[in-house]
Protein backbone atom coordinates (compact mmCIF):
# COMPACT_ATOMS: atom_id res chain seq x y z
CA MET A 1 26.65 -40.03 -11.13
CA ILE A 2 26.36 -37.68 -8.15
CA GLU A 3 24.16 -38.94 -5.36
CA LEU A 4 22.20 -35.97 -4.04
CA ASP A 5 22.01 -37.49 -0.58
CA ASN A 6 25.80 -37.36 -0.38
CA ILE A 7 26.29 -33.69 -1.24
CA ASN A 8 28.33 -32.17 1.62
CA ASN A 9 27.74 -35.47 3.45
CA GLU A 10 24.35 -34.14 4.52
CA PRO A 11 20.96 -35.64 3.67
CA VAL A 12 19.01 -33.62 1.12
CA SER A 13 15.27 -34.01 1.42
CA THR A 14 13.00 -34.23 -1.59
CA GLY A 15 12.41 -30.77 -3.00
CA ALA A 16 15.13 -29.14 -0.87
CA LEU A 17 17.19 -28.11 -3.89
CA THR A 18 14.35 -26.56 -5.88
CA ARG A 19 13.16 -24.67 -2.78
CA MET A 20 16.26 -22.48 -3.17
CA PHE A 21 14.50 -20.83 -6.12
CA HIS A 22 11.63 -18.36 -5.86
CA SER A 23 8.41 -19.88 -7.16
CA LEU A 24 4.86 -18.70 -6.63
CA ASN A 25 3.99 -21.19 -3.92
CA ARG A 26 6.50 -19.46 -1.62
CA MET A 27 4.87 -16.08 -2.19
CA LEU A 28 1.31 -16.99 -1.30
CA PRO A 29 0.48 -15.56 2.13
CA GLU A 30 0.43 -18.24 4.79
CA ASN A 31 -3.02 -19.49 5.76
CA GLN A 32 -4.64 -17.36 3.08
CA ASN A 33 -8.40 -17.42 3.53
CA LEU A 34 -9.59 -17.34 -0.08
CA ILE A 35 -12.84 -15.39 -0.31
CA LYS A 36 -15.04 -15.75 -3.40
CA ILE A 37 -18.27 -14.09 -4.45
CA GLU A 38 -20.89 -15.06 -7.04
CA THR A 39 -21.62 -13.18 -10.24
CA SER A 40 -25.04 -12.41 -8.75
CA THR A 41 -23.56 -10.60 -5.74
CA GLY A 42 -24.84 -7.07 -5.49
CA LEU A 43 -22.36 -4.32 -6.24
CA GLY A 44 -22.81 -2.66 -2.86
CA GLU A 45 -22.34 -5.97 -1.06
CA ALA A 46 -19.19 -6.71 -3.06
CA LEU A 47 -17.67 -3.33 -2.24
CA GLY A 48 -18.54 -3.96 1.40
CA ILE A 49 -16.68 -7.28 1.31
CA LEU A 50 -13.55 -5.57 -0.05
CA GLU A 51 -13.71 -3.01 2.73
CA LYS A 52 -14.51 -5.53 5.47
CA TYR A 53 -11.57 -7.80 4.71
CA GLY A 54 -9.14 -5.06 3.71
CA ILE A 55 -8.58 -6.48 0.22
CA SER A 56 -8.59 -4.83 -3.18
CA GLN A 57 -9.84 -7.71 -5.31
CA VAL A 58 -11.86 -10.89 -4.95
CA PRO A 59 -12.41 -13.87 -7.30
CA VAL A 60 -15.88 -14.13 -8.82
CA SER A 61 -17.43 -17.52 -9.52
CA GLU A 62 -20.34 -18.83 -11.51
CA GLY A 63 -21.24 -22.09 -9.86
CA ASP A 64 -18.04 -24.07 -9.38
CA TYR A 65 -15.97 -22.04 -11.86
CA VAL A 66 -14.09 -18.81 -11.20
CA VAL A 67 -14.75 -16.52 -14.15
CA GLY A 68 -12.73 -13.46 -13.20
CA ILE A 69 -12.00 -10.90 -10.52
CA PHE A 70 -13.95 -8.01 -9.07
CA SER A 71 -11.74 -5.22 -7.83
CA TYR A 72 -11.67 -1.51 -7.12
CA ARG A 73 -9.90 -1.19 -10.46
CA SER A 74 -12.51 -3.12 -12.42
CA PHE A 75 -15.21 -1.10 -10.66
CA ALA A 76 -13.54 2.21 -11.56
CA GLN A 77 -12.94 1.18 -15.17
CA ARG A 78 -16.59 0.24 -15.67
CA LEU A 79 -17.79 3.25 -13.73
CA LYS A 80 -16.37 5.57 -16.38
CA ILE A 81 -19.10 4.58 -18.81
CA LEU A 82 -21.94 4.69 -16.30
CA SER A 83 -23.49 7.90 -15.05
CA ASP A 84 -26.16 7.04 -12.45
CA ILE A 85 -24.20 5.99 -9.35
CA ARG A 86 -27.36 5.40 -7.33
CA LEU A 87 -28.55 2.93 -9.95
CA ILE A 88 -25.20 1.13 -9.84
CA ILE A 89 -25.19 0.59 -6.11
CA ASN A 90 -28.82 -0.42 -5.78
CA GLU A 91 -29.51 -2.48 -8.87
CA LEU A 92 -26.34 -3.82 -10.52
CA THR A 93 -24.36 -6.95 -9.70
CA VAL A 94 -20.65 -7.63 -9.98
CA GLU A 95 -21.25 -9.56 -13.21
CA ASP A 96 -20.96 -6.27 -15.09
CA PHE A 97 -17.74 -5.33 -13.31
CA ILE A 98 -15.61 -8.44 -13.71
CA GLU A 99 -12.18 -8.31 -15.29
CA ASP A 100 -10.21 -11.28 -16.54
CA ALA A 101 -7.45 -12.63 -14.33
CA PRO A 102 -4.81 -15.06 -15.58
CA PHE A 103 -4.53 -18.52 -14.07
CA VAL A 104 -1.06 -19.88 -13.30
CA ARG A 105 0.33 -22.97 -11.59
CA VAL A 106 1.66 -22.79 -8.07
CA THR A 107 5.02 -24.12 -9.28
CA ASP A 108 5.44 -21.51 -12.05
CA GLU A 109 8.50 -19.28 -12.01
CA LEU A 110 7.95 -15.64 -11.09
CA ASN A 111 9.66 -14.39 -14.25
CA ASP A 112 7.09 -16.26 -16.32
CA VAL A 113 4.10 -14.49 -14.76
CA LEU A 114 5.33 -10.94 -14.09
CA ASP A 115 3.91 -9.60 -17.35
CA LYS A 116 0.55 -11.11 -16.51
CA MET A 117 0.72 -9.55 -13.05
CA ASN A 118 1.59 -6.13 -14.46
CA LYS A 119 -1.40 -6.19 -16.80
CA SER A 120 -4.03 -7.50 -14.40
CA GLY A 121 -2.72 -6.49 -10.96
CA SER A 122 -3.29 -9.98 -9.61
CA ILE A 123 -3.15 -13.62 -10.69
CA LEU A 124 -5.12 -16.67 -9.67
CA ILE A 125 -3.32 -19.84 -8.62
CA GLY A 126 -4.83 -23.05 -9.96
CA ALA A 127 -7.61 -23.51 -12.51
CA PRO A 128 -11.13 -22.07 -12.94
CA GLU A 129 -12.66 -25.16 -11.31
CA GLN A 130 -10.09 -25.34 -8.49
CA VAL A 131 -8.60 -22.03 -7.36
CA GLN A 132 -5.88 -22.48 -4.74
CA GLY A 133 -5.23 -18.83 -4.01
CA ILE A 134 -4.85 -15.30 -5.29
CA LEU A 135 -1.54 -13.50 -5.56
CA THR A 136 -1.34 -9.71 -5.79
CA ALA A 137 1.43 -7.25 -6.52
CA HIS A 138 1.39 -6.39 -2.82
CA ASP A 139 2.00 -10.04 -1.91
CA ILE A 140 5.05 -10.18 -4.18
CA PHE A 141 6.34 -6.87 -2.81
CA SER A 142 5.91 -8.08 0.77
CA TYR A 143 7.66 -11.36 -0.01
CA PHE A 144 10.72 -9.75 -1.56
CA TYR A 145 10.82 -6.96 1.01
CA GLY A 146 10.97 -9.60 3.73
CA ILE A 147 13.92 -11.19 1.96
CA SER A 148 15.75 -7.98 1.06
CA SER A 149 15.18 -5.82 4.15
CA PRO A 150 18.09 -7.32 6.16
CA TYR A 151 20.46 -6.61 3.25
CA ILE A 152 19.14 -3.07 2.94
CA MET A 153 19.48 -2.37 6.67
CA LEU A 154 22.97 -3.84 6.82
CA ALA A 155 24.03 -1.69 3.86
CA GLU A 156 22.63 1.41 5.56
CA ILE A 157 24.46 0.59 8.78
CA GLU A 158 27.82 -0.23 7.21
CA LEU A 159 27.89 2.77 4.88
CA THR A 160 26.84 5.09 7.72
CA LEU A 161 29.50 3.55 9.96
CA ARG A 162 32.17 4.49 7.42
CA LEU A 163 30.83 8.03 7.17
CA PHE A 164 30.91 8.35 10.97
CA MET A 165 34.53 7.24 11.01
CA ARG A 166 35.43 9.76 8.30
CA ALA A 167 33.55 12.47 10.20
CA ALA A 168 35.67 11.71 13.27
CA ALA A 169 39.11 11.58 11.66
CA SER A 170 41.08 12.64 8.62
CA ASP A 171 42.37 10.02 6.18
CA GLU A 172 45.80 10.21 7.79
CA LYS A 173 44.35 9.78 11.27
CA LEU A 174 42.26 6.85 10.11
CA ILE A 175 45.38 5.10 8.83
CA GLU A 176 47.00 5.69 12.24
CA CYS A 177 43.97 4.19 13.99
CA ILE A 178 44.00 1.19 11.66
CA LYS A 179 47.69 0.65 12.29
CA SER A 180 47.39 0.93 16.06
CA SER A 181 44.53 -1.55 16.29
CA LEU A 182 45.20 -4.05 13.49
CA SER A 183 48.99 -4.25 13.09
CA TYR A 184 48.97 -7.41 15.23
CA LYS A 185 47.21 -9.34 12.43
CA TYR A 186 48.84 -7.87 9.31
CA GLN A 187 52.31 -7.63 7.88
CA PRO A 188 53.29 -3.96 7.47
CA ASP A 189 52.95 -4.08 3.67
CA LYS A 190 49.53 -5.80 3.93
CA LEU A 191 47.92 -3.37 6.36
CA PRO A 192 44.59 -2.03 4.97
CA GLN A 193 44.89 1.52 3.71
CA SER A 194 41.21 2.39 3.44
CA LEU A 195 37.96 1.78 5.28
CA GLU A 196 36.59 -0.12 2.29
CA ALA A 197 39.39 -2.69 2.73
CA LEU A 198 38.29 -3.52 6.29
CA ALA A 199 36.07 -6.39 7.37
CA PHE A 200 33.12 -5.46 9.57
CA GLU A 201 34.74 -6.85 12.71
CA GLU A 202 37.77 -4.67 11.91
CA TYR A 203 35.63 -1.54 11.95
CA GLN A 204 34.67 -2.52 15.45
CA LYS A 205 38.28 -3.11 16.45
CA VAL A 206 39.46 0.20 14.99
CA ILE A 207 36.71 2.22 16.66
CA THR A 208 36.57 0.62 20.09
CA THR A 209 40.26 0.09 20.84
CA LYS A 210 40.73 2.20 23.95
CA ASP A 211 43.26 4.63 22.50
CA ASN A 212 41.23 5.09 19.32
CA TRP A 213 37.98 5.64 21.20
CA LEU A 214 39.17 9.12 22.10
CA VAL A 215 39.07 9.90 18.38
CA PHE A 216 35.66 8.40 17.65
CA GLU A 217 33.75 9.09 20.86
CA PRO A 218 32.70 12.65 19.83
CA VAL A 219 30.85 11.19 16.83
CA PHE A 220 29.40 8.01 18.32
CA GLY A 221 28.82 9.38 21.81
CA GLY A 222 27.67 7.30 24.76
CA LYS A 223 29.63 4.45 26.26
CA ARG A 224 32.23 2.46 24.35
CA GLU A 225 30.88 -0.76 25.92
CA TRP A 226 27.41 -0.03 24.57
CA LEU A 227 28.75 0.45 21.04
CA ILE A 228 30.65 -2.84 21.34
CA VAL A 229 27.40 -4.65 22.15
CA ILE A 230 25.64 -3.04 19.15
CA LEU A 231 28.44 -3.83 16.72
CA ASN A 232 28.71 -7.41 18.02
CA ASP A 233 25.00 -7.94 17.37
CA ILE A 234 25.27 -6.48 13.88
CA ARG A 235 28.39 -8.49 13.04
CA GLU A 236 26.76 -11.78 14.00
CA LEU A 237 23.58 -11.04 12.06
CA ARG A 238 25.60 -9.79 9.10
CA ASN A 239 27.55 -13.04 8.96
CA ASP A 240 24.35 -15.07 9.10
CA VAL A 241 22.80 -13.03 6.28
CA PHE A 242 25.72 -12.67 3.89
CA HIS A 243 26.94 -16.24 4.33
CA PHE A 244 23.39 -17.67 4.05
CA ARG A 245 23.79 -19.55 7.31
CA ARG A 246 20.18 -19.27 8.34
CA GLN A 247 17.03 -17.24 7.83
CA LEU A 248 16.67 -14.44 10.32
CA THR A 249 13.83 -14.76 12.79
CA PRO A 250 11.38 -11.89 13.36
CA ALA A 251 13.24 -11.18 16.62
CA ASP A 252 16.53 -10.96 14.68
CA THR A 253 15.01 -8.59 12.15
CA ASN A 254 13.56 -6.40 14.90
CA LEU A 255 16.95 -6.28 16.63
CA LEU A 256 18.63 -5.27 13.39
CA LEU A 257 15.96 -2.62 12.85
CA ARG A 258 16.54 -1.19 16.33
CA HIS A 259 20.27 -0.95 15.69
CA ARG A 260 19.66 0.59 12.26
CA ASN A 261 17.38 3.18 13.88
CA TRP A 262 20.08 3.88 16.49
CA PHE A 263 22.50 4.74 13.68
CA LEU A 264 19.84 6.89 12.02
CA LYS A 265 19.28 8.80 15.26
CA LYS A 266 23.03 9.35 15.65
CA ALA A 267 23.22 10.57 12.04
CA LYS A 268 20.44 13.10 12.64
CA ILE A 269 22.15 14.33 15.81
CA LEU A 270 25.47 14.72 14.01
CA GLU A 271 23.88 16.61 11.14
CA ALA A 272 22.04 18.89 13.57
CA LYS A 273 25.30 19.67 15.39
CA ARG A 274 27.00 20.54 12.11
CA LYS A 275 24.16 22.85 11.06
CA SER A 276 24.28 24.64 14.40
CA LEU A 277 27.95 25.40 13.83
CA GLN A 278 27.40 26.92 10.39
């Protein structure tokens, strides 16, 4: 029998293994302030609450039990069969504008509740008598965007880096640059013959080797030392992300975003130069 506490000779805390999987409790916004309204709440007041708190739906309770959700969507759906808007605002309550919302457990898998989310637009965590939170499509989008954005930015940077290198030199010249900067670490018959065969740190070496910089400087512009700093930052963050060493901090993500935007600016400048020559 494998002792979990001995995996990799490192202690594994209770729940550490299952936390590697994406369950709903990880997607709930931190410190969510769950707002609820009663079925007797006036329609105008309920709409005001949505606007005040910048939300699009709110659980509706009858006594201690949540009986559904009031939302802009449920309001619009019901509005289609009503004609006197003034009467709606002044005299009706949210009871006539509630839509059902599915209840799920906080430990449920995302795949198990996606269909429910697609149909209702939101799901309630817990049970009618004890609602722990509300999860919307926006919450799920924000959660996965936070996870995926470093991968997306790194892909944008690396693919653009290759295009910059190809814009600066022909295939034959690129092979010469690779040979002049990387032959110290490869046998002649093992030398990479394409940009796709290079590791990220090798892009940096090929571009910023002093003799090669004369080839690439017209595309990258600026100082070679400045580009070295940028590529060093990206390389370290890339290794952390792709080797799952740690979760990037907000400062890391902002740094990566700044470098990504630097590449975008350079791409726009290069495209503008090319158009001016046409």
